[in-house]
Amino acid sequence: MSEQTASTSTIVDVVPGGEAIHGALYSYGLGILFAANVFGAGSVYILADTGANFAFSLLWVLPLAFLIDIALHDMSARLAVTDEPLADYIVDVLPVGGSAVVILMSLMSGLWAVSNYAVAGAALAWLLPWIDNVIVGIVLAAGGGLAIVELKVYDRVEAAIAAAVFAVFGSYGLLLVGLDVPWQSVAGGLVPVLQTEIGYLTAVIALLGTTVYWPNFFIQSSIKPTKEWDDIWKYRRDNAAGIATTLTIGSFVMVVSAITLSQGEMTLTGPGVPLTEILGEFALVVFILAAFLASITSATGTLFGAGFMIPQSLGRDTVFGDVAFRRTVVSLIVLSAIVALAMLVYTGFGPVEMAIIMPAVNGAIGLPLTVFALIGAVNKYYDIEWYENLGFLAAGIVLLIGSLMTVQSLYETIVGIL
């Protein structure tokens, strides 16, 4: 019996309606994990910041992200069906340096955890005035992540917290009912437009980096021993539900922020302002709590990718939750917390700046590398039709061009913060 089956079987035994919950987690648990990884604090602040500073002009990136995400998840699902992890392919195709590439990519994925722990620490310091110290908050947040991993309850914790986070941020959709939404302008924002302005390009790659979440593809390609699915349509259904939910909620946050927030630098409490103005001061507490929970789950779940990648790069077969997996994730949680502390103390980065910049770095570097590795792997292990390859290559070329166009602007943005 797999670890996931064992853990969810306890739900059936002790929770009223547990059989239905078990069935939902079995069918959509992977999508919930991926959605929780995507919809961390970074996504919330990037979406709110984009809405506030660019109004509706970047809404077109979200449907583009959906199409690209579906295509890439389809590739990684095919690798899952054939039980061929993406990290193994990279090591095989690059006999010299392949392991180093995978390990470096794993460390790069840790930048998401760095930013999420920074936001979680700031949120905890805001929620608990007697702490009033972001550094102490980061230590406590990292401790929460360690507990989730070592107690082996991450599948249930991810599902429970994801439900709470989606409920809070999904409420932005209800806010639209009471707002005077300029739907014509919203529709105009769905028309792709590229500008050469530095902030605009950085925002584009940040949006793609935070919504097309490349560690998820390494997780999915390695999940066959846990999910035991041989039918690719089960993966496709799971993926589509998770991606559609995440990007729909993301569009709510962006549109509400475009209407209610002013241009300028995003603050820790900034995205919660629309909730507060309509629902009252308690809503700000709920928002910060949701940001804290989203940060913890996203930081921990993102590192699950590295939990597969690093052992695989060293030639070891690993499954979700085994000793090598847990040791890797625990080590990177500690490292991410240390880096977050160092960046706060020794650089000009604040938690919100990290939440916005780190996904952009991953989008500019890690995402294109992952896409072309996926294309190579799926063609090696699967019989791909020419028109499918055409779609996969189109997604890869779009991301590569976006990366090349934004590297300079991203560099200048980082230097400006430093």
Protein backbone atom coordinates (compact mmCIF):
# COMPACT_ATOMS: atom_id res chain seq x y z
CA MET A 1 0.00 0.00 0.00
CA SER A 2 1.39 3.42 -0.92
CA GLU A 3 1.92 6.06 1.76
CA GLN A 4 -0.79 8.26 0.28
CA THR A 5 -3.29 5.39 0.26
CA ALA A 6 -2.43 4.58 3.86
CA SER A 7 -2.80 8.16 5.04
CA THR A 8 -6.09 8.81 3.27
CA SER A 9 -7.50 5.50 4.47
CA THR A 10 -7.43 6.93 7.99
CA ILE A 11 -9.75 9.69 6.78
CA VAL A 12 -12.28 7.08 5.66
CA ASP A 13 -12.13 5.40 9.07
CA VAL A 14 -12.43 8.38 11.43
CA VAL A 15 -14.05 11.30 9.59
CA PRO A 16 -17.79 11.53 8.81
CA GLY A 17 -18.11 11.47 5.05
CA GLY A 18 -14.51 10.30 4.93
CA GLU A 19 -15.10 8.05 1.94
CA ALA A 20 -16.16 11.02 -0.18
CA ILE A 21 -13.19 13.07 1.05
CA HIS A 22 -10.88 10.15 0.31
CA GLY A 23 -12.28 9.89 -3.20
CA ALA A 24 -11.85 13.63 -3.83
CA LEU A 25 -8.27 13.61 -2.54
CA TYR A 26 -7.47 10.57 -4.67
CA SER A 27 -8.90 12.14 -7.81
CA TYR A 28 -7.82 15.76 -7.28
CA GLY A 29 -5.20 15.68 -4.52
CA LEU A 30 -2.33 16.17 -6.94
CA GLY A 31 -4.07 19.17 -8.49
CA ILE A 32 -4.64 20.59 -5.00
CA LEU A 33 -0.93 20.20 -4.22
CA PHE A 34 0.04 21.92 -7.48
CA ALA A 35 -2.50 24.70 -6.95
CA ALA A 36 -1.26 25.25 -3.37
CA ASN A 37 2.31 25.49 -4.69
CA VAL A 38 1.29 28.05 -7.31
CA PHE A 39 -0.98 30.13 -5.10
CA GLY A 40 1.53 31.07 -2.46
CA ALA A 41 2.13 34.52 -1.08
CA GLY A 42 4.25 35.38 -4.11
CA SER A 43 1.29 34.90 -6.45
CA VAL A 44 -0.98 37.02 -4.27
CA TYR A 45 1.45 39.95 -4.15
CA ILE A 46 2.43 39.68 -7.82
CA LEU A 47 -1.21 39.63 -8.91
CA ALA A 48 -2.16 42.53 -6.63
CA ASP A 49 0.93 44.53 -7.60
CA THR A 50 0.26 43.93 -11.30
CA GLY A 51 -3.36 44.99 -10.98
CA ALA A 52 -2.50 48.11 -8.99
CA ASN A 53 0.32 49.29 -11.27
CA PHE A 54 -0.79 48.06 -14.72
CA ALA A 55 -4.59 47.92 -14.27
CA PHE A 56 -6.03 45.36 -16.70
CA SER A 57 -3.27 45.53 -19.31
CA LEU A 58 -1.62 42.25 -18.23
CA LEU A 59 -4.72 40.10 -17.88
CA TRP A 60 -3.79 38.46 -21.18
CA VAL A 61 -0.89 36.70 -19.44
CA LEU A 62 -3.28 34.52 -17.38
CA PRO A 63 -5.02 32.68 -20.28
CA LEU A 64 -1.60 32.36 -21.92
CA ALA A 65 -0.30 30.82 -18.69
CA PHE A 66 -3.26 28.42 -18.64
CA LEU A 67 -2.54 27.15 -22.16
CA ILE A 68 1.19 26.79 -21.50
CA ASP A 69 0.57 25.10 -18.15
CA ILE A 70 -1.86 22.60 -19.68
CA ALA A 71 0.66 21.74 -22.41
CA LEU A 72 3.55 21.28 -19.98
CA HIS A 73 1.50 19.26 -17.50
CA ASP A 74 0.42 17.05 -20.39
CA MET A 75 4.08 16.31 -21.10
CA SER A 76 4.95 15.59 -17.47
CA ALA A 77 1.80 13.42 -17.15
CA ARG A 78 3.03 11.27 -20.02
CA LEU A 79 6.33 10.85 -18.23
CA ALA A 80 4.39 9.88 -15.10
CA VAL A 81 2.42 7.20 -16.96
CA THR A 82 5.66 5.67 -18.26
CA ASP A 83 7.35 6.23 -14.85
CA GLU A 84 10.25 8.21 -16.33
CA PRO A 85 11.14 11.10 -13.97
CA LEU A 86 12.28 14.28 -15.70
CA ALA A 87 15.37 14.58 -13.52
CA ASP A 88 16.51 11.11 -14.64
CA TYR A 89 16.21 12.22 -18.27
CA ILE A 90 18.35 15.32 -17.70
CA VAL A 91 21.06 13.24 -16.03
CA ASP A 92 20.97 10.65 -18.85
CA VAL A 93 21.05 13.18 -21.70
CA LEU A 94 23.86 15.17 -20.04
CA PRO A 95 26.27 12.46 -18.86
CA VAL A 96 28.77 15.20 -17.99
CA GLY A 97 27.27 17.79 -15.70
CA GLY A 98 23.68 16.51 -15.74
CA SER A 99 23.60 15.89 -11.99
CA ALA A 100 25.02 19.36 -11.33
CA VAL A 101 22.35 20.95 -13.56
CA VAL A 102 19.55 19.19 -11.68
CA ILE A 103 21.00 20.13 -8.28
CA LEU A 104 21.43 23.77 -9.33
CA MET A 105 17.84 23.84 -10.57
CA SER A 106 16.73 22.38 -7.23
CA LEU A 107 18.52 25.16 -5.40
CA MET A 108 16.95 27.72 -7.72
CA SER A 109 13.50 26.38 -6.88
CA GLY A 110 14.42 27.10 -3.26
CA LEU A 111 14.19 30.82 -4.08
CA TRP A 112 10.41 30.41 -3.96
CA ALA A 113 10.75 29.00 -0.46
CA VAL A 114 13.06 31.88 0.50
CA SER A 115 10.46 34.45 -0.49
CA ASN A 116 7.58 32.50 1.03
CA TYR A 117 9.31 32.11 4.38
CA ALA A 118 10.15 35.83 4.36
CA VAL A 119 6.46 36.68 3.82
CA ALA A 120 5.36 34.06 6.35
CA GLY A 121 7.72 35.55 8.93
CA ALA A 122 6.45 39.07 8.27
CA ALA A 123 2.83 37.88 8.42
CA LEU A 124 3.43 36.06 11.71
CA ALA A 125 5.10 39.14 13.20
CA TRP A 126 2.07 41.22 12.14
CA LEU A 127 -0.44 38.71 13.51
CA LEU A 128 1.36 38.23 16.84
CA PRO A 129 2.41 41.66 18.18
CA TRP A 130 4.38 40.13 21.05
CA ILE A 131 6.76 38.66 18.45
CA ASP A 132 7.11 41.89 16.44
CA ASN A 133 10.21 40.53 14.73
CA VAL A 134 10.27 39.21 11.19
CA ILE A 135 13.40 37.15 11.85
CA VAL A 136 11.73 35.29 14.74
CA GLY A 137 8.67 34.86 12.51
CA ILE A 138 10.79 33.24 9.77
CA VAL A 139 12.27 30.78 12.26
CA LEU A 140 8.80 29.83 13.51
CA ALA A 141 7.44 29.55 9.96
CA ALA A 142 10.31 27.28 8.93
CA GLY A 143 9.62 25.20 12.02
CA GLY A 144 6.04 24.79 10.82
CA GLY A 145 7.31 23.57 7.46
CA LEU A 146 9.63 21.07 9.14
CA ALA A 147 6.76 19.76 11.25
CA ILE A 148 4.57 19.22 8.18
CA VAL A 149 7.30 17.15 6.51
CA GLU A 150 8.54 15.16 9.49
CA LEU A 151 5.07 14.30 10.79
CA LYS A 152 4.24 12.94 7.31
CA VAL A 153 0.88 14.71 7.20
CA TYR A 154 1.61 16.97 4.24
CA ASP A 155 -1.05 15.51 1.93
CA ARG A 156 -3.84 16.25 4.40
CA VAL A 157 -2.33 19.54 5.54
CA GLU A 158 -1.93 20.72 1.94
CA ALA A 159 -5.57 19.88 1.19
CA ALA A 160 -6.94 21.56 4.33
CA ILE A 161 -4.88 24.72 4.00
CA ALA A 162 -5.45 24.97 0.26
CA ALA A 163 -9.20 24.88 0.89
CA ALA A 164 -8.92 27.70 3.45
CA VAL A 165 -6.64 29.80 1.24
CA PHE A 166 -8.86 29.39 -1.82
CA ALA A 167 -11.91 30.35 0.25
CA VAL A 168 -10.26 33.59 1.40
CA PHE A 169 -8.85 34.63 -1.94
CA GLY A 170 -11.84 33.28 -3.82
CA SER A 171 -13.87 35.88 -1.92
CA TYR A 172 -12.31 38.48 -4.25
CA GLY A 173 -14.74 37.09 -6.81
CA LEU A 174 -17.64 38.05 -4.56
CA LEU A 175 -16.20 41.55 -4.24
CA LEU A 176 -16.58 41.99 -7.99
CA VAL A 177 -20.36 41.79 -7.55
CA GLY A 178 -20.34 45.00 -5.49
CA LEU A 179 -17.80 46.89 -7.59
CA ASP A 180 -18.34 49.00 -10.66
CA VAL A 181 -16.26 46.89 -13.01
CA PRO A 182 -15.35 48.45 -16.39
CA TRP A 183 -15.87 45.22 -18.30
CA GLN A 184 -14.85 46.77 -21.61
CA SER A 185 -11.43 47.62 -20.13
CA VAL A 186 -11.21 44.13 -18.64
CA ALA A 187 -11.87 42.63 -22.07
CA GLY A 188 -9.26 44.95 -23.57
CA GLY A 189 -6.71 43.61 -21.08
CA LEU A 190 -7.10 40.15 -22.60
CA VAL A 191 -5.56 41.38 -25.85
CA PRO A 192 -1.79 40.65 -25.80
CA VAL A 193 0.39 43.77 -25.84
CA LEU A 194 4.16 43.88 -25.33
CA GLN A 195 5.97 46.95 -24.09
CA THR A 196 9.69 47.53 -23.63
CA GLU A 197 9.31 49.33 -20.31
CA ILE A 198 11.39 47.58 -17.62
CA GLY A 199 8.68 47.21 -15.00
CA TYR A 200 6.18 45.89 -17.55
CA LEU A 201 8.51 43.16 -18.81
CA THR A 202 9.47 42.15 -15.28
CA ALA A 203 5.78 41.89 -14.40
CA VAL A 204 5.13 39.64 -17.42
CA ILE A 205 7.86 37.16 -16.53
CA ALA A 206 6.91 37.32 -12.83
CA LEU A 207 3.33 36.38 -13.71
CA LEU A 208 4.46 33.49 -15.90
CA GLY A 209 7.03 32.42 -13.32
CA THR A 210 4.50 32.30 -10.51
CA THR A 211 1.67 30.62 -12.47
CA VAL A 212 3.58 28.19 -14.72
CA TYR A 213 5.29 26.54 -11.76
CA TRP A 214 8.11 24.38 -13.07
CA PRO A 215 8.83 22.32 -9.87
CA ASN A 216 5.34 20.84 -10.31
CA PHE A 217 6.47 19.14 -13.52
CA PHE A 218 9.32 17.37 -11.71
CA ILE A 219 6.87 16.28 -9.00
CA GLN A 220 4.31 14.97 -11.47
CA SER A 221 6.82 13.06 -13.58
CA SER A 222 7.96 11.23 -10.41
CA ILE A 223 4.56 10.53 -8.86
CA LYS A 224 3.66 7.19 -10.52
CA PRO A 225 4.75 4.98 -7.57
CA THR A 226 2.47 7.03 -5.28
CA LYS A 227 -0.61 7.67 -7.44
CA GLU A 228 -0.39 4.33 -9.30
CA TRP A 229 -2.26 5.84 -12.26
CA ASP A 230 -1.82 4.30 -15.72
CA ASP A 231 -4.53 6.40 -17.37
CA ILE A 232 -3.23 9.77 -18.58
CA TRP A 233 -6.77 11.20 -18.51
CA LYS A 234 -6.77 10.98 -14.71
CA TYR A 235 -3.75 13.27 -14.67
CA ARG A 236 -5.31 15.57 -17.24
CA ARG A 237 -8.54 15.93 -15.26
CA ASP A 238 -6.63 16.57 -12.05
CA ASN A 239 -4.32 19.11 -13.69
CA ALA A 240 -7.08 21.01 -15.48
CA ALA A 241 -9.12 21.39 -12.28
CA GLY A 242 -6.15 22.68 -10.27
CA ILE A 243 -4.86 25.07 -12.95
CA ALA A 244 -8.30 26.48 -13.80
CA THR A 245 -9.12 27.09 -10.12
CA THR A 246 -5.82 28.83 -9.45
CA LEU A 247 -5.91 31.13 -12.46
CA THR A 248 -9.60 31.98 -11.98
CA ILE A 249 -8.92 33.10 -8.40
CA GLY A 250 -5.81 34.90 -9.66
CA SER A 251 -7.90 36.87 -12.15
CA PHE A 252 -10.26 37.89 -9.32
CA VAL A 253 -7.35 39.25 -7.28
CA MET A 254 -5.89 41.13 -10.25
CA VAL A 255 -9.17 42.73 -11.34
CA VAL A 256 -10.19 43.76 -7.81
CA SER A 257 -6.71 45.22 -7.20
CA ALA A 258 -6.85 47.15 -10.48
CA ILE A 259 -10.09 48.79 -9.38
CA THR A 260 -9.39 49.44 -5.70
CA LEU A 261 -5.62 49.86 -5.21
CA SER A 262 -3.42 52.81 -6.13
CA GLN A 263 -0.16 52.68 -8.02
CA GLY A 264 3.01 52.43 -5.97
CA GLU A 265 5.09 49.99 -3.99
CA MET A 266 3.17 46.97 -2.70
CA THR A 267 3.08 46.50 1.08
CA LEU A 268 2.44 43.46 3.26
CA THR A 269 -1.17 44.47 3.93
CA GLY A 270 -1.81 46.10 0.53
CA PRO A 271 -3.75 43.28 -1.18
CA GLY A 272 -6.02 43.03 1.84
CA VAL A 273 -7.21 46.62 1.56
CA PRO A 274 -10.16 45.81 -0.75
CA LEU A 275 -11.39 43.20 1.71
CA THR A 276 -11.06 45.61 4.62
CA GLU A 277 -12.91 48.47 2.94
CA ILE A 278 -15.90 46.28 2.18
CA LEU A 279 -15.96 43.71 5.01
CA GLY A 280 -14.35 45.59 7.90
CA GLU A 281 -11.06 45.53 9.79
CA PHE A 282 -11.31 41.85 10.73
CA ALA A 283 -10.91 41.01 7.04
CA LEU A 284 -7.32 42.27 7.14
CA VAL A 285 -6.51 39.76 9.87
CA VAL A 286 -8.10 37.02 7.77
CA PHE A 287 -6.09 38.13 4.73
CA ILE A 288 -2.75 38.13 6.58
CA LEU A 289 -3.56 34.72 8.08
CA ALA A 290 -4.35 33.39 4.61
CA ALA A 291 -1.09 34.86 3.27
CA PHE A 292 0.78 33.14 6.11
CA LEU A 293 -0.87 29.77 5.41
CA ALA A 294 -0.36 30.13 1.66
CA SER A 295 3.33 30.90 2.24
CA ILE A 296 3.85 27.80 4.40
CA THR A 297 2.15 25.40 2.00
CA SER A 298 3.74 26.88 -1.10
CA ALA A 299 7.23 26.93 0.42
CA THR A 300 6.97 23.33 1.59
CA GLY A 301 5.18 21.97 -1.47
CA THR A 302 7.58 23.67 -3.88
CA LEU A 303 10.51 21.92 -2.22
CA PHE A 304 8.81 18.58 -2.85
CA GLY A 305 10.15 18.95 -6.38
CA ALA A 306 13.70 19.14 -5.04
CA GLY A 307 12.84 16.19 -2.77
CA PHE A 308 12.64 14.11 -5.93
CA MET A 309 15.25 15.92 -8.02
CA ILE A 310 18.31 15.79 -5.76
CA PRO A 311 18.15 12.05 -4.90
CA GLN A 312 17.39 11.27 -8.56
CA SER A 313 20.35 13.36 -9.70
CA LEU A 314 22.55 11.20 -7.49
CA GLY A 315 21.25 7.99 -9.05
CA ARG A 316 18.79 7.05 -6.31
CA ASP A 317 15.20 6.00 -6.91
CA THR A 318 12.93 7.87 -4.53
CA VAL A 319 9.21 8.01 -3.82
CA PHE A 320 7.05 10.67 -2.23
CA GLY A 321 7.79 10.82 1.50
CA ASP A 322 10.65 8.32 1.77
CA VAL A 323 13.79 9.02 3.83
CA ALA A 324 15.82 10.58 1.00
CA PHE A 325 12.85 12.73 0.00
CA ARG A 326 12.25 14.01 3.54
CA ARG A 327 15.92 14.66 4.30
CA THR A 328 16.26 16.71 1.12
CA VAL A 329 13.15 18.77 1.79
CA VAL A 330 14.09 19.35 5.44
CA SER A 331 17.61 20.44 4.50
CA LEU A 332 16.30 22.91 1.92
CA ILE A 333 13.71 24.31 4.34
CA VAL A 334 16.53 25.12 6.76
CA LEU A 335 18.71 26.56 3.98
CA SER A 336 15.82 28.65 2.60
CA ALA A 337 15.08 30.13 6.02
CA ILE A 338 18.76 31.01 6.50
CA VAL A 339 18.95 32.69 3.08
CA ALA A 340 15.73 34.61 3.79
CA LEU A 341 17.18 35.88 7.07
CA ALA A 342 20.45 36.87 5.39
CA MET A 343 18.69 38.73 2.58
CA LEU A 344 16.55 40.70 5.02
CA VAL A 345 19.57 41.65 7.12
CA TYR A 346 22.20 42.32 4.44
CA THR A 347 20.31 43.47 1.33
CA GLY A 348 17.66 46.01 0.44
CA PHE A 349 15.07 43.29 -0.15
CA GLY A 350 11.97 43.20 2.00
CA PRO A 351 9.56 40.24 2.19
CA VAL A 352 7.18 41.64 -0.44
CA GLU A 353 10.03 42.53 -2.83
CA MET A 354 11.27 38.93 -2.51
CA ALA A 355 7.77 37.59 -3.18
CA ILE A 356 7.64 39.52 -6.45
CA ILE A 357 11.22 39.07 -7.69
CA MET A 358 11.94 35.39 -6.87
CA PRO A 359 9.22 33.99 -9.17
CA ALA A 360 10.53 36.28 -11.93
CA VAL A 361 14.04 34.83 -11.53
CA ASN A 362 12.64 31.29 -11.75
CA GLY A 363 10.47 32.25 -14.71
CA ALA A 364 13.41 33.73 -16.61
CA ILE A 365 15.86 30.86 -15.99
CA GLY A 366 14.35 27.68 -14.53
CA LEU A 367 11.15 27.62 -16.59
CA PRO A 368 12.68 27.63 -20.11
CA LEU A 369 15.20 24.96 -19.07
CA THR A 370 12.42 22.76 -17.74
CA VAL A 371 10.27 23.22 -20.85
CA PHE A 372 12.92 22.06 -23.31
CA ALA A 373 13.90 19.18 -21.00
CA LEU A 374 10.23 18.12 -21.01
CA ILE A 375 10.09 18.25 -24.81
CA GLY A 376 13.19 16.10 -25.10
CA ALA A 377 12.04 13.61 -22.46
CA VAL A 378 8.51 13.13 -23.77
CA ASN A 379 9.85 12.53 -27.29
CA LYS A 380 12.29 9.93 -25.96
CA TYR A 381 9.83 7.96 -23.84
CA TYR A 382 6.53 8.54 -25.64
CA ASP A 383 5.16 8.39 -29.18
CA ILE A 384 4.38 12.05 -29.91
CA GLU A 385 2.36 13.22 -32.91
CA TRP A 386 3.82 16.03 -35.02
CA TYR A 387 1.02 18.44 -34.17
CA GLU A 388 1.52 17.80 -30.45
CA ASN A 389 5.21 18.58 -30.80
CA LEU A 390 4.27 21.74 -32.64
CA GLY A 391 2.17 22.86 -29.67
CA PHE A 392 4.87 21.91 -27.17
CA LEU A 393 7.53 23.78 -29.14
CA ALA A 394 5.28 26.83 -29.45
CA ALA A 395 4.95 26.94 -25.64
CA GLY A 396 8.72 26.56 -25.27
CA ILE A 397 9.51 29.28 -27.81
CA VAL A 398 7.08 31.72 -26.18
CA LEU A 399 8.75 31.19 -22.80
CA LEU A 400 12.26 31.36 -24.23
CA ILE A 401 11.54 34.63 -26.05
CA GLY A 402 9.94 36.02 -22.90
CA SER A 403 12.98 35.02 -20.90
CA LEU A 404 15.44 36.62 -23.32
CA MET A 405 13.39 39.82 -23.46
CA THR A 406 13.19 40.20 -19.71
CA VAL A 407 16.62 39.17 -18.43
CA GLN A 408 18.01 42.70 -18.68
CA SER A 409 14.93 44.32 -17.17
CA LEU A 410 14.92 41.78 -14.34
CA TYR A 411 18.61 42.43 -13.68
CA GLU A 412 18.05 46.18 -13.57
CA THR A 413 15.07 45.74 -11.24
CA ILE A 414 17.15 43.63 -8.82
CA VAL A 415 20.06 46.06 -8.91
CA GLY A 416 17.64 48.91 -8.25
CA ILE A 417 16.35 47.15 -5.11
CA LEU A 418 19.83 46.29 -3.89
